[in-house]
PDB file of all heavy atoms in Angstrom:
ATOM      1  N   ARG A   1     165.979  55.377 110.461  1.00  0.00           N
ATOM      2  CA  ARG A   1     167.328  55.941 110.070  1.00  0.00           C
ATOM      3  C   ARG A   1     167.086  57.179 109.319  1.00  0.00           C
ATOM      4  O   ARG A   1     166.082  57.294 108.498  1.00  0.00           O
ATOM      5  CB  ARG A   1     168.074  54.868 109.291  1.00  0.00           C
ATOM      6  CG  ARG A   1     169.386  55.362 108.897  1.00  0.00           C
ATOM      7  CD  ARG A   1     170.017  54.283 107.916  1.00  0.00           C
ATOM      8  NE  ARG A   1     171.284  54.776 107.463  1.00  0.00           N
ATOM      9  CZ  ARG A   1     172.446  54.316 107.907  1.00  0.00           C
ATOM     10  NH1 ARG A   1     172.509  53.450 108.923  1.00  0.00           N
ATOM     11  NH2 ARG A   1     173.604  54.758 107.458  1.00  0.00           N
ATOM     12  N   ALA A   2     167.817  58.212 109.498  1.00  0.00           N
ATOM     13  CA  ALA A   2     167.902  59.481 108.786  1.00  0.00           C
ATOM     14  C   ALA A   2     169.329  59.706 108.415  1.00  0.00           C
ATOM     15  O   ALA A   2     170.193  59.666 109.236  1.00  0.00           O
ATOM     16  CB  ALA A   2     167.267  60.554 109.502  1.00  0.00           C
ATOM     17  N   THR A   3     169.607  59.950 107.184  1.00  0.00           N
ATOM     18  CA  THR A   3     170.966  60.364 106.795  1.00  0.00           C
ATOM     19  C   THR A   3     170.933  61.707 106.280  1.00  0.00           C
ATOM     20  O   THR A   3     170.232  62.048 105.277  1.00  0.00           O
ATOM     21  CB  THR A   3     171.435  59.312 105.562  1.00  0.00           C
ATOM     22  OG1 THR A   3     171.443  58.018 106.081  1.00  0.00           O
ATOM     23  CG2 THR A   3     172.899  59.627 105.203  1.00  0.00           C
ATOM     24  N   LEU A   4     171.747  62.535 106.930  1.00  0.00           N
ATOM     25  CA  LEU A   4     171.824  63.977 106.649  1.00  0.00           C
ATOM     26  C   LEU A   4     173.162  64.371 106.026  1.00  0.00           C
ATOM     27  O   LEU A   4     174.226  63.858 106.497  1.00  0.00           O
ATOM     28  CB  LEU A   4     171.521  64.768 107.990  1.00  0.00           C
ATOM     29  CG  LEU A   4     170.423  64.255 108.771  1.00  0.00           C
ATOM     30  CD1 LEU A   4     170.456  64.874 110.192  1.00  0.00           C
ATOM     31  CD2 LEU A   4     169.070  64.337 108.020  1.00  0.00           C
ATOM     32  N   LEU A   5     173.313  65.399 105.203  1.00  0.00           N
ATOM     33  CA  LEU A   5     174.496  65.724 104.580  1.00  0.00           C
ATOM     34  C   LEU A   5     174.798  67.294 104.818  1.00  0.00           C
ATOM     35  O   LEU A   5     174.004  68.078 104.306  1.00  0.00           O
ATOM     36  CB  LEU A   5     174.382  65.426 102.998  1.00  0.00           C
ATOM     37  CG  LEU A   5     175.661  65.464 102.290  1.00  0.00           C
ATOM     38  CD1 LEU A   5     176.729  64.470 102.911  1.00  0.00           C
ATOM     39  CD2 LEU A   5     175.444  65.035 100.826  1.00  0.00           C
ATOM     40  N   TRP A   6     175.844  67.434 105.501  1.00  0.00           N
ATOM     41  CA  TRP A   6     176.285  68.871 105.898  1.00  0.00           C
ATOM     42  C   TRP A   6     177.402  69.337 105.021  1.00  0.00           C
ATOM     43  O   TRP A   6     178.311  68.471 104.795  1.00  0.00           O
ATOM     44  CB  TRP A   6     176.693  68.818 107.351  1.00  0.00           C
ATOM     45  CG  TRP A   6     177.215  70.278 107.847  1.00  0.00           C
ATOM     46  CD1 TRP A   6     176.441  71.271 108.239  1.00  0.00           C
ATOM     47  CD2 TRP A   6     178.573  70.656 107.946  1.00  0.00           C
ATOM     48  NE1 TRP A   6     177.204  72.296 108.545  1.00  0.00           N
ATOM     49  CE2 TRP A   6     178.458  72.007 108.457  1.00  0.00           C
ATOM     50  CE3 TRP A   6     179.777  69.973 107.725  1.00  0.00           C
ATOM     51  CZ2 TRP A   6     179.670  72.687 108.651  1.00  0.00           C
ATOM     52  CZ3 TRP A   6     180.950  70.680 108.016  1.00  0.00           C
ATOM     53  CH2 TRP A   6     180.917  72.076 108.402  1.00  0.00           C
ATOM     54  N   LYS A   7     177.359  70.560 104.548  1.00  0.00           N
ATOM     55  CA  LYS A   7     178.372  71.112 103.652  1.00  0.00           C
ATOM     56  C   LYS A   7     179.083  72.234 104.395  1.00  0.00           C
ATOM     57  O   LYS A   7     178.509  73.125 104.986  1.00  0.00           O
ATOM     58  CB  LYS A   7     177.781  71.632 102.472  1.00  0.00           C
ATOM     59  CG  LYS A   7     178.832  72.096 101.441  1.00  0.00           C
ATOM     60  CD  LYS A   7     178.251  72.571 100.113  1.00  0.00           C
ATOM     61  CE  LYS A   7     179.288  73.036  99.151  1.00  0.00           C
ATOM     62  NZ  LYS A   7     178.660  73.364  97.894  1.00  0.00           N
ATOM     63  N   ALA A   8     180.477  72.149 104.462  1.00  0.00           N
ATOM     64  CA  ALA A   8     181.292  73.120 105.131  1.00  0.00           C
ATOM     65  C   ALA A   8     181.230  74.427 104.338  1.00  0.00           C
ATOM     66  O   ALA A   8     181.066  74.429 103.085  1.00  0.00           O
ATOM     67  CB  ALA A   8     182.664  72.579 105.297  1.00  0.00           C
ATOM     68  N   PRO A   9     181.579  75.528 105.028  1.00  0.00           N
ATOM     69  CA  PRO A   9     181.666  76.818 104.370  1.00  0.00           C
ATOM     70  C   PRO A   9     182.804  76.723 103.218  1.00  0.00           C
ATOM     71  O   PRO A   9     183.784  75.897 103.412  1.00  0.00           O
ATOM     72  CB  PRO A   9     182.173  77.792 105.401  1.00  0.00           C
ATOM     73  CG  PRO A   9     181.810  77.124 106.670  1.00  0.00           C
ATOM     74  CD  PRO A   9     181.910  75.668 106.511  1.00  0.00           C
ATOM     75  N   HIS A  10     182.661  77.519 102.248  1.00  0.00           N
ATOM     76  CA  HIS A  10     183.597  77.437 101.077  1.00  0.00           C
ATOM     77  C   HIS A  10     184.964  78.011 101.347  1.00  0.00           C
ATOM     78  O   HIS A  10     185.941  77.852 100.637  1.00  0.00           O
ATOM     79  CB  HIS A  10     183.071  78.005  99.796  1.00  0.00           C
ATOM     80  CG  HIS A  10     182.874  79.521  99.886  1.00  0.00           C
ATOM     81  ND1 HIS A  10     181.887  80.104 100.561  1.00  0.00           N
ATOM     82  CD2 HIS A  10     183.611  80.452  99.323  1.00  0.00           C
ATOM     83  CE1 HIS A  10     182.021  81.330 100.417  1.00  0.00           C
ATOM     84  NE2 HIS A  10     183.137  81.706  99.732  1.00  0.00           N
ATOM     85  N   ASN A  11     185.076  78.807 102.464  1.00  0.00           N
ATOM     86  CA  ASN A  11     186.351  79.589 102.660  1.00  0.00           C
ATOM     87  C   ASN A  11     186.994  79.408 104.019  1.00  0.00           C
ATOM     88  O   ASN A  11     187.702  80.205 104.521  1.00  0.00           O
ATOM     89  CB  ASN A  11     186.008  81.058 102.550  1.00  0.00           C
ATOM     90  CG  ASN A  11     184.949  81.506 103.510  1.00  0.00           C
ATOM     91  OD1 ASN A  11     184.391  80.674 104.211  1.00  0.00           O
ATOM     92  ND2 ASN A  11     184.691  82.842 103.585  1.00  0.00           N
ATOM     93  N   SER A  12     186.679  78.161 104.593  1.00  0.00           N
ATOM     94  CA  SER A  12     187.377  77.979 105.959  1.00  0.00           C
ATOM     95  C   SER A  12     187.594  76.482 106.216  1.00  0.00           C
ATOM     96  O   SER A  12     187.092  75.649 105.530  1.00  0.00           O
ATOM     97  CB  SER A  12     186.516  78.548 107.049  1.00  0.00           C
ATOM     98  OG  SER A  12     185.269  77.891 107.202  1.00  0.00           O
ATOM     99  N   HIS A  13     188.275  76.269 107.271  1.00  0.00           N
ATOM    100  CA  HIS A  13     188.510  74.851 107.764  1.00  0.00           C
ATOM    101  C   HIS A  13     188.461  74.964 109.292  1.00  0.00           C
ATOM    102  O   HIS A  13     188.643  76.009 109.831  1.00  0.00           O
ATOM    103  CB  HIS A  13     189.814  74.226 107.147  1.00  0.00           C
ATOM    104  CG  HIS A  13     191.018  75.093 107.690  1.00  0.00           C
ATOM    105  ND1 HIS A  13     191.470  76.148 107.123  1.00  0.00           N
ATOM    106  CD2 HIS A  13     191.779  74.709 108.736  1.00  0.00           C
ATOM    107  CE1 HIS A  13     192.599  76.528 107.778  1.00  0.00           C
ATOM    108  NE2 HIS A  13     192.790  75.757 108.801  1.00  0.00           N
ATOM    109  N   GLY A  14     188.299  73.764 109.852  1.00  0.00           N
ATOM    110  CA  GLY A  14     188.246  73.730 111.353  1.00  0.00           C
ATOM    111  C   GLY A  14     187.575  72.504 111.854  1.00  0.00           C
ATOM    112  O   GLY A  14     187.483  71.488 111.250  1.00  0.00           O
ATOM    113  N   ARG A  15     186.977  72.667 113.038  1.00  0.00           N
ATOM    114  CA  ARG A  15     186.269  71.559 113.717  1.00  0.00           C
ATOM    115  C   ARG A  15     184.796  71.944 113.875  1.00  0.00           C
ATOM    116  O   ARG A  15     184.470  73.068 114.194  1.00  0.00           O
ATOM    117  CB  ARG A  15     186.903  71.287 115.066  1.00  0.00           C
ATOM    118  CG  ARG A  15     188.485  70.836 114.769  1.00  0.00           C
ATOM    119  CD  ARG A  15     188.960  70.175 116.015  1.00  0.00           C
ATOM    120  NE  ARG A  15     187.972  69.110 116.302  1.00  0.00           N
ATOM    121  CZ  ARG A  15     188.088  68.349 117.351  1.00  0.00           C
ATOM    122  NH1 ARG A  15     189.049  68.442 118.184  1.00  0.00           N
ATOM    123  NH2 ARG A  15     187.233  67.381 117.587  1.00  0.00           N
ATOM    124  N   VAL A  16     183.950  70.936 113.751  1.00  0.00           N
ATOM    125  CA  VAL A  16     182.486  71.129 113.807  1.00  0.00           C
ATOM    126  C   VAL A  16     181.901  70.096 114.771  1.00  0.00           C
ATOM    127  O   VAL A  16     182.422  69.012 114.872  1.00  0.00           O
ATOM    128  CB  VAL A  16     181.838  71.115 112.425  1.00  0.00           C
ATOM    129  CG1 VAL A  16     182.040  69.704 111.774  1.00  0.00           C
ATOM    130  CG2 VAL A  16     180.325  71.477 112.547  1.00  0.00           C
ATOM    131  N   TYR A  17     180.834  70.401 115.445  1.00  0.00           N
ATOM    132  CA  TYR A  17     179.993  69.433 116.121  1.00  0.00           C
ATOM    133  C   TYR A  17     178.583  69.619 115.816  1.00  0.00           C
ATOM    134  O   TYR A  17     178.179  70.679 115.329  1.00  0.00           O
ATOM    135  CB  TYR A  17     180.346  69.481 117.688  1.00  0.00           C
ATOM    136  CG  TYR A  17     179.716  70.577 118.483  1.00  0.00           C
ATOM    137  CD1 TYR A  17     178.498  70.482 119.079  1.00  0.00           C
ATOM    138  CD2 TYR A  17     180.371  71.790 118.491  1.00  0.00           C
ATOM    139  CE1 TYR A  17     178.027  71.548 119.913  1.00  0.00           C
ATOM    140  CE2 TYR A  17     179.864  72.885 119.238  1.00  0.00           C
ATOM    141  CZ  TYR A  17     178.616  72.794 119.912  1.00  0.00           C
ATOM    142  OH  TYR A  17     178.084  73.762 120.617  1.00  0.00           O
ATOM    143  N   PHE A  18     177.862  68.520 115.984  1.00  0.00           N
ATOM    144  CA  PHE A  18     176.440  68.510 115.563  1.00  0.00           C
ATOM    145  C   PHE A  18     175.593  68.243 116.844  1.00  0.00           C
ATOM    146  O   PHE A  18     175.871  67.299 117.531  1.00  0.00           O
ATOM    147  CB  PHE A  18     176.183  67.466 114.555  1.00  0.00           C
ATOM    148  CG  PHE A  18     176.994  67.707 113.294  1.00  0.00           C
ATOM    149  CD1 PHE A  18     178.231  67.110 113.139  1.00  0.00           C
ATOM    150  CD2 PHE A  18     176.622  68.576 112.391  1.00  0.00           C
ATOM    151  CE1 PHE A  18     179.046  67.320 112.155  1.00  0.00           C
ATOM    152  CE2 PHE A  18     177.360  68.867 111.187  1.00  0.00           C
ATOM    153  CZ  PHE A  18     178.583  68.188 111.123  1.00  0.00           C
ATOM    154  N   THR A  19     174.698  69.113 117.178  1.00  0.00           N
ATOM    155  CA  THR A  19     173.871  69.069 118.395  1.00  0.00           C
ATOM    156  C   THR A  19     172.374  69.189 118.033  1.00  0.00           C
ATOM    157  O   THR A  19     172.090  69.716 116.936  1.00  0.00           O
ATOM    158  CB  THR A  19     174.356  70.149 119.444  1.00  0.00           C
ATOM    159  OG1 THR A  19     173.611  70.008 120.611  1.00  0.00           O
ATOM    160  CG2 THR A  19     174.123  71.595 118.865  1.00  0.00           C
ATOM    161  N   GLY A  20     171.577  68.787 118.991  1.00  0.00           N
ATOM    162  CA  GLY A  20     170.099  68.900 118.717  1.00  0.00           C
ATOM    163  C   GLY A  20     169.247  67.974 119.542  1.00  0.00           C
ATOM    164  O   GLY A  20     169.592  67.625 120.659  1.00  0.00           O
ATOM    165  N   THR A  21     168.197  67.551 118.813  1.00  0.00           N
ATOM    166  CA  THR A  21     167.124  66.803 119.456  1.00  0.00           C
ATOM    167  C   THR A  21     166.633  65.638 118.562  1.00  0.00           C
ATOM    168  O   THR A  21     166.526  65.899 117.315  1.00  0.00           O
ATOM    169  CB  THR A  21     165.867  67.628 119.777  1.00  0.00           C
ATOM    170  OG1 THR A  21     166.285  68.648 120.666  1.00  0.00           O
ATOM    171  CG2 THR A  21     164.710  66.973 120.381  1.00  0.00           C
ATOM    172  N   VAL A  22     166.398  64.497 119.165  1.00  0.00           N
ATOM    173  CA  VAL A  22     165.653  63.439 118.425  1.00  0.00           C
ATOM    174  C   VAL A  22     164.313  63.174 119.215  1.00  0.00           C
ATOM    175  O   VAL A  22     164.316  63.060 120.400  1.00  0.00           O
ATOM    176  CB  VAL A  22     166.443  62.173 118.307  1.00  0.00           C
ATOM    177  CG1 VAL A  22     165.671  61.037 117.689  1.00  0.00           C
ATOM    178  CG2 VAL A  22     167.746  62.422 117.595  1.00  0.00           C
ATOM    179  N   LEU A  23     163.209  63.133 118.462  1.00  0.00           N
ATOM    180  CA  LEU A  23     161.883  62.900 118.996  1.00  0.00           C
ATOM    181  C   LEU A  23     161.377  61.492 118.760  1.00  0.00           C
ATOM    182  O   LEU A  23     161.192  61.168 117.537  1.00  0.00           O
ATOM    183  CB  LEU A  23     160.933  63.960 118.518  1.00  0.00           C
ATOM    184  CG  LEU A  23     161.166  65.350 118.770  1.00  0.00           C
ATOM    185  CD1 LEU A  23     161.985  66.045 117.680  1.00  0.00           C
ATOM    186  CD2 LEU A  23     159.890  66.082 118.850  1.00  0.00           C
ATOM    187  N   LYS A  24     161.077  60.694 119.855  1.00  0.00           N
ATOM    188  CA  LYS A  24     160.404  59.412 119.645  1.00  0.00           C
ATOM    189  C   LYS A  24     159.004  59.690 119.212  1.00  0.00           C
ATOM    190  O   LYS A  24     158.413  59.133 118.367  1.00  0.00           O
ATOM    191  CB  LYS A  24     160.569  58.574 120.909  1.00  0.00           C
ATOM    192  CG  LYS A  24     159.755  57.340 120.839  1.00  0.00           C
ATOM    193  CD  LYS A  24     159.920  56.521 122.125  1.00  0.00           C
ATOM    194  CE  LYS A  24     159.053  55.242 122.077  1.00  0.00           C
ATOM    195  NZ  LYS A  24     159.051  54.665 123.426  1.00  0.00           N
ATOM    196  N   ASP A  25     158.384  60.652 120.020  1.00  0.00           N
ATOM    197  CA  ASP A  25     157.018  61.145 119.771  1.00  0.00           C
ATOM    198  C   ASP A  25     156.896  62.543 120.462  1.00  0.00           C
ATOM    199  O   ASP A  25     157.822  63.079 120.971  1.00  0.00           O
ATOM    200  CB  ASP A  25     155.905  60.164 120.256  1.00  0.00           C
ATOM    201  CG  ASP A  25     156.169  59.795 121.768  1.00  0.00           C
ATOM    202  OD1 ASP A  25     156.394  60.749 122.552  1.00  0.00           O
ATOM    203  OD2 ASP A  25     156.121  58.586 122.124  1.00  0.00           O
ATOM    204  N   TYR A  26     155.662  63.055 120.336  1.00  0.00           N
ATOM    205  CA  TYR A  26     155.501  64.397 120.870  1.00  0.00           C
ATOM    206  C   TYR A  26     155.938  64.664 122.258  1.00  0.00           C
ATOM    207  O   TYR A  26     156.593  65.691 122.578  1.00  0.00           O
ATOM    208  CB  TYR A  26     153.998  64.712 120.760  1.00  0.00           C
ATOM    209  CG  TYR A  26     153.664  66.141 121.176  1.00  0.00           C
ATOM    210  CD1 TYR A  26     153.723  67.229 120.178  1.00  0.00           C
ATOM    211  CD2 TYR A  26     153.246  66.462 122.426  1.00  0.00           C
ATOM    212  CE1 TYR A  26     153.423  68.551 120.616  1.00  0.00           C
ATOM    213  CE2 TYR A  26     152.967  67.745 122.778  1.00  0.00           C
ATOM    214  CZ  TYR A  26     153.068  68.735 121.935  1.00  0.00           C
ATOM    215  OH  TYR A  26     152.760  70.113 122.247  1.00  0.00           O
ATOM    216  N   GLY A  27     155.733  63.731 123.169  1.00  0.00           N
ATOM    217  CA  GLY A  27     156.129  63.926 124.556  1.00  0.00           C
ATOM    218  C   GLY A  27     157.460  63.234 125.049  1.00  0.00           C
ATOM    219  O   GLY A  27     157.859  63.490 126.153  1.00  0.00           O
ATOM    220  N   THR A  28     158.054  62.565 124.072  1.00  0.00           N
ATOM    221  CA  THR A  28     159.268  61.854 124.441  1.00  0.00           C
ATOM    222  C   THR A  28     160.466  62.207 123.519  1.00  0.00           C
ATOM    223  O   THR A  28     160.347  61.876 122.369  1.00  0.00           O
ATOM    224  CB  THR A  28     159.091  60.301 124.372  1.00  0.00           C
ATOM    225  OG1 THR A  28     157.868  59.930 125.121  1.00  0.00           O
ATOM    226  CG2 THR A  28     160.289  59.539 125.064  1.00  0.00           C
ATOM    227  N   PHE A  29     161.341  62.956 124.025  1.00  0.00           N
ATOM    228  CA  PHE A  29     162.419  63.385 123.149  1.00  0.00           C
ATOM    229  C   PHE A  29     163.690  63.622 123.990  1.00  0.00           C
ATOM    230  O   PHE A  29     163.667  63.701 125.189  1.00  0.00           O
ATOM    231  CB  PHE A  29     162.073  64.758 122.431  1.00  0.00           C
ATOM    232  CG  PHE A  29     161.583  65.865 123.378  1.00  0.00           C
ATOM    233  CD1 PHE A  29     162.499  66.748 123.945  1.00  0.00           C
ATOM    234  CD2 PHE A  29     160.274  65.976 123.608  1.00  0.00           C
ATOM    235  CE1 PHE A  29     161.980  67.662 124.786  1.00  0.00           C
ATOM    236  CE2 PHE A  29     159.840  66.975 124.419  1.00  0.00           C
ATOM    237  CZ  PHE A  29     160.663  67.864 124.998  1.00  0.00           C
ATOM    238  N   TRP A  30     164.779  63.530 123.335  1.00  0.00           N
ATOM    239  CA  TRP A  30     166.168  63.804 123.949  1.00  0.00           C
ATOM    240  C   TRP A  30     166.783  64.971 123.270  1.00  0.00           C
ATOM    241  O   TRP A  30     166.999  65.043 122.076  1.00  0.00           O
ATOM    242  CB  TRP A  30     166.986  62.559 123.743  1.00  0.00           C
ATOM    243  CG  TRP A  30     166.473  61.359 124.428  1.00  0.00           C
ATOM    244  CD1 TRP A  30     166.908  60.944 125.639  1.00  0.00           C
ATOM    245  CD2 TRP A  30     165.424  60.461 124.034  1.00  0.00           C
ATOM    246  NE1 TRP A  30     166.224  59.783 125.973  1.00  0.00           N
ATOM    247  CE2 TRP A  30     165.290  59.570 125.043  1.00  0.00           C
ATOM    248  CE3 TRP A  30     164.631  60.364 122.940  1.00  0.00           C
ATOM    249  CZ2 TRP A  30     164.324  58.534 124.955  1.00  0.00           C
ATOM    250  CZ3 TRP A  30     163.707  59.364 122.886  1.00  0.00           C
ATOM    251  CH2 TRP A  30     163.499  58.404 123.890  1.00  0.00           C
ATOM    252  N   SER A  31     167.123  65.986 124.144  1.00  0.00           N
ATOM    253  CA  SER A  31     167.769  67.271 123.571  1.00  0.00           C
ATOM    254  C   SER A  31     169.111  67.480 124.083  1.00  0.00           C
ATOM    255  O   SER A  31     169.524  66.767 125.022  1.00  0.00           O
ATOM    256  CB  SER A  31     166.803  68.487 124.000  1.00  0.00           C
ATOM    257  OG  SER A  31     165.629  68.332 123.445  1.00  0.00           O
ATOM    258  N   ASN A  32     169.804  68.435 123.447  1.00  0.00           N
ATOM    259  CA  ASN A  32     171.154  68.720 123.819  1.00  0.00           C
ATOM    260  C   ASN A  32     172.092  67.611 123.553  1.00  0.00           C
ATOM    261  O   ASN A  32     173.083  67.485 124.217  1.00  0.00           O
ATOM    262  CB  ASN A  32     171.231  69.247 125.233  1.00  0.00           C
ATOM    263  CG  ASN A  32     170.409  70.478 125.497  1.00  0.00           C
ATOM    264  OD1 ASN A  32     170.434  71.380 124.595  1.00  0.00           O
ATOM    265  ND2 ASN A  32     169.786  70.623 126.621  1.00  0.00           N
ATOM    266  N   LEU A  33     171.796  66.663 122.596  1.00  0.00           N
ATOM    267  CA  LEU A  33     172.571  65.625 122.340  1.00  0.00           C
ATOM    268  C   LEU A  33     173.754  66.211 121.419  1.00  0.00           C
ATOM    269  O   LEU A  33     173.632  67.177 120.821  1.00  0.00           O
ATOM    270  CB  LEU A  33     171.903  64.497 121.680  1.00  0.00           C
ATOM    271  CG  LEU A  33     171.103  64.710 120.412  1.00  0.00           C
ATOM    272  CD1 LEU A  33     171.998  64.718 119.140  1.00  0.00           C
ATOM    273  CD2 LEU A  33     170.119  63.666 120.204  1.00  0.00           C
TER     274      LEU A  33
END
């Protein structure tokens, strides 16, 4: 488990999405999630 904490800009509001990659190991990963 990894728990990450994102902070919004101080001067705006809206909608956000989180995208990226999780790596099981060097050769096995899932991107564009």
